[in-house]
Amino acid sequence: MKPTLLILAAGMASRYGGMKQIEEFGPEGETIMDYSIYDAIRVGFGKIVFVIREEFAEQFKAIFDPKLKGKVDVEYVYQHLDAHLNGYVKSPERAKPWGTAHAILCAQHVINEPFAVINADDFYGHDAFVKAYDFLTTTCSEKHYAIIAYELGQTLSDHGTVNRGVCQVDGFGNLEEVRERLNISKVNEVVKSEDGLMPDVLSLSTMVSMNFWCFSPSVFKLSQSLFADFLTEHGHESKSEFFIPVVADHFMKVSVGRVEVIPTSAIWFGVTYKEDAPSVRESIGKLLNAGVYPKGLWS
């Protein structure tokens, strides 16, 4: 059974100031997602699932259906605020989506096979999809998940601080914890996190999560249970979010599962700030000139 790629595209992009998920970065109007989808198809993924907000459904379908028809199966699912609440009554002030782990829950009715999860606005690189496909088709199980990890130095922005999930890895290459570090920047070749935690200076080679996960469908049942707990504890907070690392942490420490850390040599880049856009276009241009991708991705 071919694995599925689940793309999280329902975020509000508040720091970017617009719908960066569908902004055109390639020479023929390609989004960053287009390159991820292209890589996924060419390594063997059989289905693409978009998690989006329903009000943008027609816009997404107009962009992607003509490109992907006949190349891969496609599904669109909606991250509604009322989804999977199971009787919980949310605050009327709640506008922010419930977070990345809730987004995964919203796709459970269309995924029955091992699957990878990525962000819509991150460029992950071909090697990352090769590594994910190999894991999902040979190793993934109900007790064995994975994360594709990047070196911190490859994930910084020249236009502001970033937050990164620092991976604590044991001696067997398994994840022990994803520790969220805030306000990370590089000044004079020194990388510092200004969040009050120690160490405040981080190595460029520190392995971090860019939200590229590999799961068995067993993650849905676990996520539903943990989301119920989350709502009880944090549902009244207007900006609280149920994140994937919360699920992974419980999986490792309570369910006694294993999350393998798979390093990738791929180059990562993304758009956090509007000022990142020109450098993203430049990076894509370099890959096109090097022949890594065709200049007309779908033509």
C-alpha atoms as a PDB file:
ATOM      1  CA  MET A   1       0.000   0.000   0.000  1.00  0.00           C
ATOM      2  CA  LYS A   2       1.415   3.368  -1.009  1.00  0.00           C
ATOM      3  CA  PRO A   3       1.836   5.922   1.780  1.00  0.00           C
ATOM      4  CA  THR A   4      -0.063   9.200   1.934  1.00  0.00           C
ATOM      5  CA  LEU A   5       1.233  12.751   2.295  1.00  0.00           C
ATOM      6  CA  LEU A   6      -0.843  14.925   4.640  1.00  0.00           C
ATOM      7  CA  ILE A   7      -0.275  18.660   4.112  1.00  0.00           C
ATOM      8  CA  LEU A   8      -1.240  21.074   6.895  1.00  0.00           C
ATOM      9  CA  ALA A   9      -2.532  24.189   5.161  1.00  0.00           C
ATOM     10  CA  ALA A  10      -5.185  25.566   7.512  1.00  0.00           C
ATOM     11  CA  GLY A  11      -2.947  27.931   9.473  1.00  0.00           C
ATOM     12  CA  MET A  12      -3.733  31.633   9.714  1.00  0.00           C
ATOM     13  CA  ALA A  13      -0.203  32.885   8.817  1.00  0.00           C
ATOM     14  CA  SER A  14      -0.506  35.843  11.189  1.00  0.00           C
ATOM     15  CA  ARG A  15       3.208  36.736  11.121  1.00  0.00           C
ATOM     16  CA  TYR A  16       3.291  36.604   7.326  1.00  0.00           C
ATOM     17  CA  GLY A  17       0.247  38.765   6.775  1.00  0.00           C
ATOM     18  CA  GLY A  18      -1.397  36.734   4.014  1.00  0.00           C
ATOM     19  CA  MET A  19      -2.140  33.309   2.537  1.00  0.00           C
ATOM     20  CA  LYS A  20       1.464  32.185   2.163  1.00  0.00           C
ATOM     21  CA  GLN A  21       0.294  28.598   1.619  1.00  0.00           C
ATOM     22  CA  ILE A  22      -0.818  29.446  -1.926  1.00  0.00           C
ATOM     23  CA  GLU A  23       1.560  32.283  -2.761  1.00  0.00           C
ATOM     24  CA  GLU A  24       3.375  31.764  -6.067  1.00  0.00           C
ATOM     25  CA  PHE A  25       7.120  31.213  -5.764  1.00  0.00           C
ATOM     26  CA  GLY A  26       8.029  29.214  -8.891  1.00  0.00           C
ATOM     27  CA  PRO A  27       8.347  30.461 -12.493  1.00  0.00           C
ATOM     28  CA  GLU A  28       4.963  29.041 -13.526  1.00  0.00           C
ATOM     29  CA  GLY A  29       3.111  30.050 -10.379  1.00  0.00           C
ATOM     30  CA  GLU A  30       4.199  27.081  -8.265  1.00  0.00           C
ATOM     31  CA  THR A  31       3.578  27.259  -4.516  1.00  0.00           C
ATOM     32  CA  ILE A  32       6.017  25.746  -2.040  1.00  0.00           C
ATOM     33  CA  MET A  33       3.534  22.870  -1.716  1.00  0.00           C
ATOM     34  CA  ASP A  34       3.933  22.084  -5.394  1.00  0.00           C
ATOM     35  CA  TYR A  35       7.572  21.111  -4.865  1.00  0.00           C
ATOM     36  CA  SER A  36       6.716  18.911  -1.869  1.00  0.00           C
ATOM     37  CA  ILE A  37       3.960  17.207  -3.850  1.00  0.00           C
ATOM     38  CA  TYR A  38       6.263  16.731  -6.834  1.00  0.00           C
ATOM     39  CA  ASP A  39       8.900  15.111  -4.598  1.00  0.00           C
ATOM     40  CA  ALA A  40       6.295  12.903  -2.908  1.00  0.00           C
ATOM     41  CA  ILE A  41       4.907  11.645  -6.210  1.00  0.00           C
ATOM     42  CA  ARG A  42       8.290  10.876  -7.717  1.00  0.00           C
ATOM     43  CA  VAL A  43       9.398   8.782  -4.722  1.00  0.00           C
ATOM     44  CA  GLY A  44       6.141   6.788  -4.666  1.00  0.00           C
ATOM     45  CA  PHE A  45       3.488   8.392  -2.438  1.00  0.00           C
ATOM     46  CA  GLY A  46       0.020   7.455  -3.658  1.00  0.00           C
ATOM     47  CA  LYS A  47      -2.258  10.115  -2.179  1.00  0.00           C
ATOM     48  CA  ILE A  48      -2.151  13.779  -1.181  1.00  0.00           C
ATOM     49  CA  VAL A  49      -4.479  15.035   1.565  1.00  0.00           C
ATOM     50  CA  PHE A  50      -4.826  18.772   2.135  1.00  0.00           C
ATOM     51  CA  VAL A  51      -6.063  20.026   5.510  1.00  0.00           C
ATOM     52  CA  ILE A  52      -7.521  23.460   4.831  1.00  0.00           C
ATOM     53  CA  ARG A  53     -10.136  25.902   6.015  1.00  0.00           C
ATOM     54  CA  GLU A  54     -13.402  25.307   4.216  1.00  0.00           C
ATOM     55  CA  GLU A  55     -13.725  28.911   3.052  1.00  0.00           C
ATOM     56  CA  PHE A  56     -10.654  28.406   0.857  1.00  0.00           C
ATOM     57  CA  ALA A  57     -11.734  25.054  -0.611  1.00  0.00           C
ATOM     58  CA  GLU A  58     -12.651  26.307  -4.074  1.00  0.00           C
ATOM     59  CA  GLN A  59      -9.438  28.321  -4.291  1.00  0.00           C
ATOM     60  CA  PHE A  60      -7.316  25.295  -3.398  1.00  0.00           C
ATOM     61  CA  LYS A  61      -9.157  23.012  -5.783  1.00  0.00           C
ATOM     62  CA  ALA A  62      -8.804  25.489  -8.638  1.00  0.00           C
ATOM     63  CA  ILE A  63      -5.048  25.581  -8.066  1.00  0.00           C
ATOM     64  CA  PHE A  64      -4.281  21.902  -7.490  1.00  0.00           C
ATOM     65  CA  ASP A  65      -6.913  19.780  -9.218  1.00  0.00           C
ATOM     66  CA  PRO A  66      -5.788  20.632 -12.787  1.00  0.00           C
ATOM     67  CA  LYS A  67      -2.137  19.997 -11.897  1.00  0.00           C
ATOM     68  CA  LEU A  68      -2.597  16.720 -10.060  1.00  0.00           C
ATOM     69  CA  LYS A  69      -5.403  15.021 -12.001  1.00  0.00           C
ATOM     70  CA  GLY A  70      -4.196  11.629 -13.198  1.00  0.00           C
ATOM     71  CA  LYS A  71      -0.926  11.874 -11.271  1.00  0.00           C
ATOM     72  CA  VAL A  72      -2.000  11.088  -7.708  1.00  0.00           C
ATOM     73  CA  ASP A  73      -5.158  10.668  -5.619  1.00  0.00           C
ATOM     74  CA  VAL A  74      -6.226  13.890  -3.886  1.00  0.00           C
ATOM     75  CA  GLU A  75      -8.461  14.581  -0.895  1.00  0.00           C
ATOM     76  CA  TYR A  76      -9.430  17.851   0.808  1.00  0.00           C
ATOM     77  CA  VAL A  77     -10.461  17.882   4.456  1.00  0.00           C
ATOM     78  CA  TYR A  78     -11.516  20.831   6.589  1.00  0.00           C
ATOM     79  CA  GLN A  79     -10.212  21.814  10.001  1.00  0.00           C
ATOM     80  CA  HIS A  80     -13.424  23.049  11.586  1.00  0.00           C
ATOM     81  CA  LEU A  81     -13.332  24.464  15.097  1.00  0.00           C
ATOM     82  CA  ASP A  82     -16.235  22.185  16.011  1.00  0.00           C
ATOM     83  CA  ALA A  83     -14.554  18.999  14.763  1.00  0.00           C
ATOM     84  CA  HIS A  84     -13.843  16.221  17.282  1.00  0.00           C
ATOM     85  CA  LEU A  85     -15.074  18.196  20.300  1.00  0.00           C
ATOM     86  CA  ASN A  86     -17.319  15.289  21.351  1.00  0.00           C
ATOM     87  CA  GLY A  87     -19.718  17.461  23.326  1.00  0.00           C
ATOM     88  CA  TYR A  88     -17.220  20.050  24.527  1.00  0.00           C
ATOM     89  CA  VAL A  89     -18.640  23.575  24.108  1.00  0.00           C
ATOM     90  CA  LYS A  90     -15.967  25.958  22.834  1.00  0.00           C
ATOM     91  CA  SER A  91     -15.768  29.601  23.815  1.00  0.00           C
ATOM     92  CA  PRO A  92     -17.540  32.028  21.429  1.00  0.00           C
ATOM     93  CA  GLU A  93     -14.274  34.017  21.328  1.00  0.00           C
ATOM     94  CA  ARG A  94     -12.354  31.071  19.904  1.00  0.00           C
ATOM     95  CA  ALA A  95     -11.149  31.851  16.343  1.00  0.00           C
ATOM     96  CA  LYS A  96      -7.709  30.256  16.209  1.00  0.00           C
ATOM     97  CA  PRO A  97      -7.483  26.672  14.856  1.00  0.00           C
ATOM     98  CA  TRP A  98      -6.903  24.030  17.529  1.00  0.00           C
ATOM     99  CA  GLY A  99      -3.395  23.173  16.282  1.00  0.00           C
ATOM    100  CA  THR A 100      -1.443  20.665  14.237  1.00  0.00           C
ATOM    101  CA  ALA A 101      -2.477  17.500  16.097  1.00  0.00           C
ATOM    102  CA  HIS A 102      -6.130  18.493  15.746  1.00  0.00           C
ATOM    103  CA  ALA A 103      -5.496  18.990  12.006  1.00  0.00           C
ATOM    104  CA  ILE A 104      -4.315  15.385  11.798  1.00  0.00           C
ATOM    105  CA  LEU A 105      -7.510  14.231  13.520  1.00  0.00           C
ATOM    106  CA  CYS A 106      -9.565  16.010  10.876  1.00  0.00           C
ATOM    107  CA  ALA A 107      -8.049  13.728   8.216  1.00  0.00           C
ATOM    108  CA  GLN A 108      -8.595  10.385   9.909  1.00  0.00           C
ATOM    109  CA  HIS A 109     -11.619   9.451   7.776  1.00  0.00           C
ATOM    110  CA  VAL A 110      -9.570   9.536   4.544  1.00  0.00           C
ATOM    111  CA  ILE A 111      -6.321   7.880   5.715  1.00  0.00           C
ATOM    112  CA  ASN A 112      -5.990   4.150   6.367  1.00  0.00           C
ATOM    113  CA  GLU A 113      -2.319   3.705   5.487  1.00  0.00           C
ATOM    114  CA  PRO A 114       1.040   4.911   6.861  1.00  0.00           C
ATOM    115  CA  PHE A 115       1.401   8.615   6.195  1.00  0.00           C
ATOM    116  CA  ALA A 116       3.737  11.576   6.434  1.00  0.00           C
ATOM    117  CA  VAL A 117       2.775  15.015   7.753  1.00  0.00           C
ATOM    118  CA  ILE A 118       4.294  18.300   6.545  1.00  0.00           C
ATOM    119  CA  ASN A 119       3.600  22.029   6.687  1.00  0.00           C
ATOM    120  CA  ALA A 120       2.300  23.705   3.544  1.00  0.00           C
ATOM    121  CA  ASP A 121       4.721  26.625   3.763  1.00  0.00           C
ATOM    122  CA  ASP A 122       7.989  24.736   4.268  1.00  0.00           C
ATOM    123  CA  PHE A 123      10.291  23.452   1.538  1.00  0.00           C
ATOM    124  CA  TYR A 124      11.679  20.089   2.681  1.00  0.00           C
ATOM    125  CA  GLY A 125      13.806  18.812  -0.223  1.00  0.00           C
ATOM    126  CA  HIS A 126      13.927  15.575  -2.198  1.00  0.00           C
ATOM    127  CA  ASP A 127      16.092  13.590   0.242  1.00  0.00           C
ATOM    128  CA  ALA A 128      13.571  14.128   3.040  1.00  0.00           C
ATOM    129  CA  PHE A 129      10.824  12.482   0.988  1.00  0.00           C
ATOM    130  CA  VAL A 130      13.114   9.607   0.014  1.00  0.00           C
ATOM    131  CA  LYS A 131      13.822   8.978   3.718  1.00  0.00           C
ATOM    132  CA  ALA A 132      10.149   9.265   4.668  1.00  0.00           C
ATOM    133  CA  TYR A 133       8.967   6.918   1.915  1.00  0.00           C
ATOM    134  CA  ASP A 134      11.559   4.305   2.873  1.00  0.00           C
ATOM    135  CA  PHE A 135      10.506   4.433   6.531  1.00  0.00           C
ATOM    136  CA  LEU A 136       6.778   4.344   5.825  1.00  0.00           C
ATOM    137  CA  THR A 137       7.040   1.384   3.456  1.00  0.00           C
ATOM    138  CA  THR A 138       9.540  -0.748   5.377  1.00  0.00           C
ATOM    139  CA  THR A 139       9.528   0.127   9.083  1.00  0.00           C
ATOM    140  CA  CYS A 140       6.520   2.114  10.287  1.00  0.00           C
ATOM    141  CA  SER A 141       4.199   0.327  12.711  1.00  0.00           C
ATOM    142  CA  GLU A 142       1.776   0.960  15.571  1.00  0.00           C
ATOM    143  CA  LYS A 143       4.757   1.164  17.922  1.00  0.00           C
ATOM    144  CA  HIS A 144       7.300   2.807  15.616  1.00  0.00           C
ATOM    145  CA  TYR A 145       6.914   6.336  14.235  1.00  0.00           C
ATOM    146  CA  ALA A 146       9.563   8.723  12.913  1.00  0.00           C
ATOM    147  CA  ILE A 147      10.516  12.356  12.508  1.00  0.00           C
ATOM    148  CA  ILE A 148      12.622  13.755   9.667  1.00  0.00           C
ATOM    149  CA  ALA A 149      15.075  16.129  11.376  1.00  0.00           C
ATOM    150  CA  TYR A 150      17.107  19.085  10.102  1.00  0.00           C
ATOM    151  CA  GLU A 151      20.183  20.902  11.356  1.00  0.00           C
ATOM    152  CA  LEU A 152      19.221  24.118  13.128  1.00  0.00           C
ATOM    153  CA  GLY A 153      21.702  26.138  11.084  1.00  0.00           C
ATOM    154  CA  GLN A 154      19.758  25.316   7.924  1.00  0.00           C
ATOM    155  CA  THR A 155      16.447  26.587   9.294  1.00  0.00           C
ATOM    156  CA  LEU A 156      17.079  30.165  10.452  1.00  0.00           C
ATOM    157  CA  SER A 157      15.620  33.357   8.996  1.00  0.00           C
ATOM    158  CA  ASP A 158      17.561  36.484   8.100  1.00  0.00           C
ATOM    159  CA  HIS A 159      14.505  38.595   8.845  1.00  0.00           C
ATOM    160  CA  GLY A 160      13.593  37.836  12.443  1.00  0.00           C
ATOM    161  CA  THR A 161      13.651  35.273  15.196  1.00  0.00           C
ATOM    162  CA  VAL A 162      12.202  31.784  14.788  1.00  0.00           C
ATOM    163  CA  ASN A 163      10.841  29.146  17.148  1.00  0.00           C
ATOM    164  CA  ARG A 164      12.136  25.609  16.720  1.00  0.00           C
ATOM    165  CA  GLY A 165      11.455  22.238  18.293  1.00  0.00           C
ATOM    166  CA  VAL A 166      14.855  21.012  19.446  1.00  0.00           C
ATOM    167  CA  CYS A 167      15.107  17.215  19.274  1.00  0.00           C
ATOM    168  CA  GLN A 168      16.595  15.431  22.271  1.00  0.00           C
ATOM    169  CA  VAL A 169      17.981  12.167  20.819  1.00  0.00           C
ATOM    170  CA  ASP A 170      19.094   9.091  22.749  1.00  0.00           C
ATOM    171  CA  GLY A 171      22.078   6.893  21.953  1.00  0.00           C
ATOM    172  CA  PHE A 172      19.985   4.654  19.707  1.00  0.00           C
ATOM    173  CA  GLY A 173      18.759   7.437  17.443  1.00  0.00           C
ATOM    174  CA  ASN A 174      15.335   7.650  19.051  1.00  0.00           C
ATOM    175  CA  LEU A 175      13.549  10.827  20.031  1.00  0.00           C
ATOM    176  CA  GLU A 176      13.353  11.527  23.747  1.00  0.00           C
ATOM    177  CA  GLU A 177      11.650  14.901  23.595  1.00  0.00           C
ATOM    178  CA  VAL A 178      10.904  17.841  21.316  1.00  0.00           C
ATOM    179  CA  ARG A 179      11.666  20.926  23.360  1.00  0.00           C
ATOM    180  CA  GLU A 180      10.233  24.154  21.986  1.00  0.00           C
ATOM    181  CA  ARG A 181      12.828  26.935  21.959  1.00  0.00           C
ATOM    182  CA  LEU A 182      11.728  30.473  21.238  1.00  0.00           C
ATOM    183  CA  ASN A 183      13.203  33.601  19.660  1.00  0.00           C
ATOM    184  CA  ILE A 184      16.182  31.928  17.996  1.00  0.00           C
ATOM    185  CA  SER A 185      18.482  34.037  15.829  1.00  0.00           C
ATOM    186  CA  LYS A 186      22.073  34.081  14.577  1.00  0.00           C
ATOM    187  CA  VAL A 187      24.220  37.117  15.333  1.00  0.00           C
ATOM    188  CA  ASN A 188      27.916  37.180  14.413  1.00  0.00           C
ATOM    189  CA  GLU A 189      27.864  33.413  13.758  1.00  0.00           C
ATOM    190  CA  VAL A 190      26.454  32.703  17.231  1.00  0.00           C
ATOM    191  CA  VAL A 191      23.002  31.126  17.491  1.00  0.00           C
ATOM    192  CA  LYS A 192      21.081  32.138  20.603  1.00  0.00           C
ATOM    193  CA  SER A 193      17.634  31.447  21.977  1.00  0.00           C
ATOM    194  CA  GLU A 194      16.218  34.341  23.987  1.00  0.00           C
ATOM    195  CA  ASP A 195      13.556  32.460  25.889  1.00  0.00           C
ATOM    196  CA  GLY A 196      15.104  32.332  29.362  1.00  0.00           C
ATOM    197  CA  LEU A 197      15.986  28.643  29.073  1.00  0.00           C
ATOM    198  CA  MET A 198      19.441  27.080  29.110  1.00  0.00           C
ATOM    199  CA  PRO A 199      21.561  26.568  27.191  1.00  0.00           C
ATOM    200  CA  ASP A 200      20.944  29.901  25.520  1.00  0.00           C
ATOM    201  CA  VAL A 201      23.653  29.296  22.884  1.00  0.00           C
ATOM    202  CA  LEU A 202      22.761  26.496  20.464  1.00  0.00           C
ATOM    203  CA  SER A 203      24.940  24.576  18.040  1.00  0.00           C
ATOM    204  CA  LEU A 204      24.329  25.011  14.319  1.00  0.00           C
ATOM    205  CA  SER A 205      24.193  21.204  14.078  1.00  0.00           C
ATOM    206  CA  THR A 206      21.420  20.849  16.677  1.00  0.00           C
ATOM    207  CA  MET A 207      18.716  18.597  15.247  1.00  0.00           C
ATOM    208  CA  VAL A 208      15.328  20.281  15.056  1.00  0.00           C
ATOM    209  CA  SER A 209      11.822  19.365  14.024  1.00  0.00           C
ATOM    210  CA  MET A 210      10.326  21.152  11.023  1.00  0.00           C
ATOM    211  CA  ASN A 211       7.061  19.256  11.500  1.00  0.00           C
ATOM    212  CA  PHE A 212       7.848  16.416   9.083  1.00  0.00           C
ATOM    213  CA  TRP A 213       6.456  13.325  10.843  1.00  0.00           C
ATOM    214  CA  CYS A 214       5.806   9.743   9.790  1.00  0.00           C
ATOM    215  CA  PHE A 215       2.901   7.910  11.420  1.00  0.00           C
ATOM    216  CA  SER A 216       0.872   4.744  11.415  1.00  0.00           C
ATOM    217  CA  PRO A 217      -2.932   5.250  11.388  1.00  0.00           C
ATOM    218  CA  SER A 218      -2.820   4.195  15.040  1.00  0.00           C
ATOM    219  CA  VAL A 219      -1.933   7.820  15.828  1.00  0.00           C
ATOM    220  CA  PHE A 220      -5.574   8.852  15.264  1.00  0.00           C
ATOM    221  CA  LYS A 221      -6.970   6.972  18.261  1.00  0.00           C
ATOM    222  CA  LEU A 222      -4.208   8.287  20.510  1.00  0.00           C
ATOM    223  CA  SER A 223      -4.710  11.848  19.280  1.00  0.00           C
ATOM    224  CA  GLN A 224      -8.455  11.742  19.901  1.00  0.00           C
ATOM    225  CA  SER A 225      -7.922  10.642  23.499  1.00  0.00           C
ATOM    226  CA  LEU A 226      -5.290  13.306  24.134  1.00  0.00           C
ATOM    227  CA  PHE A 227      -7.390  16.012  22.486  1.00  0.00           C
ATOM    228  CA  ALA A 228     -10.166  15.309  24.975  1.00  0.00           C
ATOM    229  CA  ASP A 229      -7.657  15.823  27.806  1.00  0.00           C
ATOM    230  CA  PHE A 230      -6.382  18.985  26.141  1.00  0.00           C
ATOM    231  CA  LEU A 231      -9.880  20.463  25.928  1.00  0.00           C
ATOM    232  CA  THR A 232     -10.493  19.794  29.609  1.00  0.00           C
ATOM    233  CA  GLU A 233      -7.255  21.508  30.617  1.00  0.00           C
ATOM    234  CA  HIS A 234      -6.801  24.234  27.989  1.00  0.00           C
ATOM    235  CA  GLY A 235      -9.940  24.468  25.876  1.00  0.00           C
ATOM    236  CA  HIS A 236     -11.075  27.664  27.621  1.00  0.00           C
ATOM    237  CA  GLU A 237      -7.908  29.485  26.516  1.00  0.00           C
ATOM    238  CA  SER A 238      -8.510  31.498  23.343  1.00  0.00           C
ATOM    239  CA  LYS A 239      -5.094  30.778  21.806  1.00  0.00           C
ATOM    240  CA  SER A 240      -4.173  27.354  23.190  1.00  0.00           C
ATOM    241  CA  GLU A 241      -3.115  24.781  20.576  1.00  0.00           C
ATOM    242  CA  PHE A 242      -2.906  20.980  20.530  1.00  0.00           C
ATOM    243  CA  PHE A 243       0.444  20.254  18.895  1.00  0.00           C
ATOM    244  CA  ILE A 244       1.877  17.083  17.333  1.00  0.00           C
ATOM    245  CA  PRO A 245       4.814  16.914  19.821  1.00  0.00           C
ATOM    246  CA  VAL A 246       2.259  16.486  22.632  1.00  0.00           C
ATOM    247  CA  VAL A 247       1.049  13.317  20.926  1.00  0.00           C
ATOM    248  CA  ALA A 248       4.590  12.124  20.201  1.00  0.00           C
ATOM    249  CA  ASP A 249       5.634  12.716  23.813  1.00  0.00           C
ATOM    250  CA  HIS A 250       2.747  10.637  25.153  1.00  0.00           C
ATOM    251  CA  PHE A 251       3.423   7.939  22.552  1.00  0.00           C
ATOM    252  CA  MET A 252       7.042   7.628  23.724  1.00  0.00           C
ATOM    253  CA  LYS A 253       6.593   7.959  27.476  1.00  0.00           C
ATOM    254  CA  VAL A 254       3.201   6.378  28.173  1.00  0.00           C
ATOM    255  CA  SER A 255       2.351   4.174  25.193  1.00  0.00           C
ATOM    256  CA  VAL A 256       5.968   2.914  25.132  1.00  0.00           C
ATOM    257  CA  GLY A 257       6.378   3.576  21.436  1.00  0.00           C
ATOM    258  CA  ARG A 258       9.475   4.582  19.527  1.00  0.00           C
ATOM    259  CA  VAL A 259       9.931   7.728  17.423  1.00  0.00           C
ATOM    260  CA  GLU A 260      13.009   7.341  15.263  1.00  0.00           C
ATOM    261  CA  VAL A 261      14.967  10.479  14.406  1.00  0.00           C
ATOM    262  CA  ILE A 262      15.929  10.353  10.725  1.00  0.00           C
ATOM    263  CA  PRO A 263      18.402  13.075   9.720  1.00  0.00           C
ATOM    264  CA  THR A 264      18.148  14.460   6.213  1.00  0.00           C
ATOM    265  CA  SER A 265      20.791  16.134   4.082  1.00  0.00           C
ATOM    266  CA  ALA A 266      18.074  18.131   2.299  1.00  0.00           C
ATOM    267  CA  ILE A 267      18.091  21.901   2.288  1.00  0.00           C
ATOM    268  CA  TRP A 268      15.140  23.404   4.171  1.00  0.00           C
ATOM    269  CA  PHE A 269      13.687  26.853   3.673  1.00  0.00           C
ATOM    270  CA  GLY A 270      10.373  28.449   4.444  1.00  0.00           C
ATOM    271  CA  VAL A 271       8.370  31.632   4.771  1.00  0.00           C
ATOM    272  CA  THR A 272       7.780  32.927   8.256  1.00  0.00           C
ATOM    273  CA  TYR A 273       7.966  36.626   7.393  1.00  0.00           C
ATOM    274  CA  LYS A 274       7.027  38.516   4.233  1.00  0.00           C
ATOM    275  CA  GLU A 275      10.691  39.459   3.920  1.00  0.00           C
ATOM    276  CA  ASP A 276      11.553  35.759   3.509  1.00  0.00           C
ATOM    277  CA  ALA A 277       9.743  35.570   0.161  1.00  0.00           C
ATOM    278  CA  PRO A 278      12.548  36.896  -2.099  1.00  0.00           C
ATOM    279  CA  SER A 279      15.096  34.474  -0.629  1.00  0.00           C
ATOM    280  CA  VAL A 280      12.652  31.594  -1.112  1.00  0.00           C
ATOM    281  CA  ARG A 281      12.261  32.508  -4.773  1.00  0.00           C
ATOM    282  CA  GLU A 282      16.040  32.749  -5.090  1.00  0.00           C
ATOM    283  CA  SER A 283      16.527  29.324  -3.468  1.00  0.00           C
ATOM    284  CA  ILE A 284      13.980  27.739  -5.788  1.00  0.00           C
ATOM    285  CA  GLY A 285      15.660  29.404  -8.758  1.00  0.00           C
ATOM    286  CA  LYS A 286      19.019  27.866  -7.793  1.00  0.00           C
ATOM    287  CA  LEU A 287      17.445  24.401  -7.599  1.00  0.00           C
ATOM    288  CA  LEU A 288      15.846  24.879 -11.021  1.00  0.00           C
ATOM    289  CA  ASN A 289      19.119  26.053 -12.551  1.00  0.00           C
ATOM    290  CA  ALA A 290      20.879  23.027 -11.064  1.00  0.00           C
ATOM    291  CA  GLY A 291      18.316  20.721 -12.663  1.00  0.00           C
ATOM    292  CA  VAL A 292      16.930  19.406  -9.381  1.00  0.00           C
ATOM    293  CA  TYR A 293      13.433  20.341 -10.558  1.00  0.00           C
ATOM    294  CA  PRO A 294      12.120  21.136 -14.059  1.00  0.00           C
ATOM    295  CA  LYS A 295      11.337  24.817 -14.635  1.00  0.00           C
ATOM    296  CA  GLY A 296       7.794  23.905 -15.552  1.00  0.00           C
ATOM    297  CA  LEU A 297       6.996  21.553 -12.707  1.00  0.00           C
ATOM    298  CA  TRP A 298       3.740  20.173 -14.124  1.00  0.00           C
ATOM    299  CA  SER A 299       3.969  21.144 -17.788  1.00  0.00           C
END
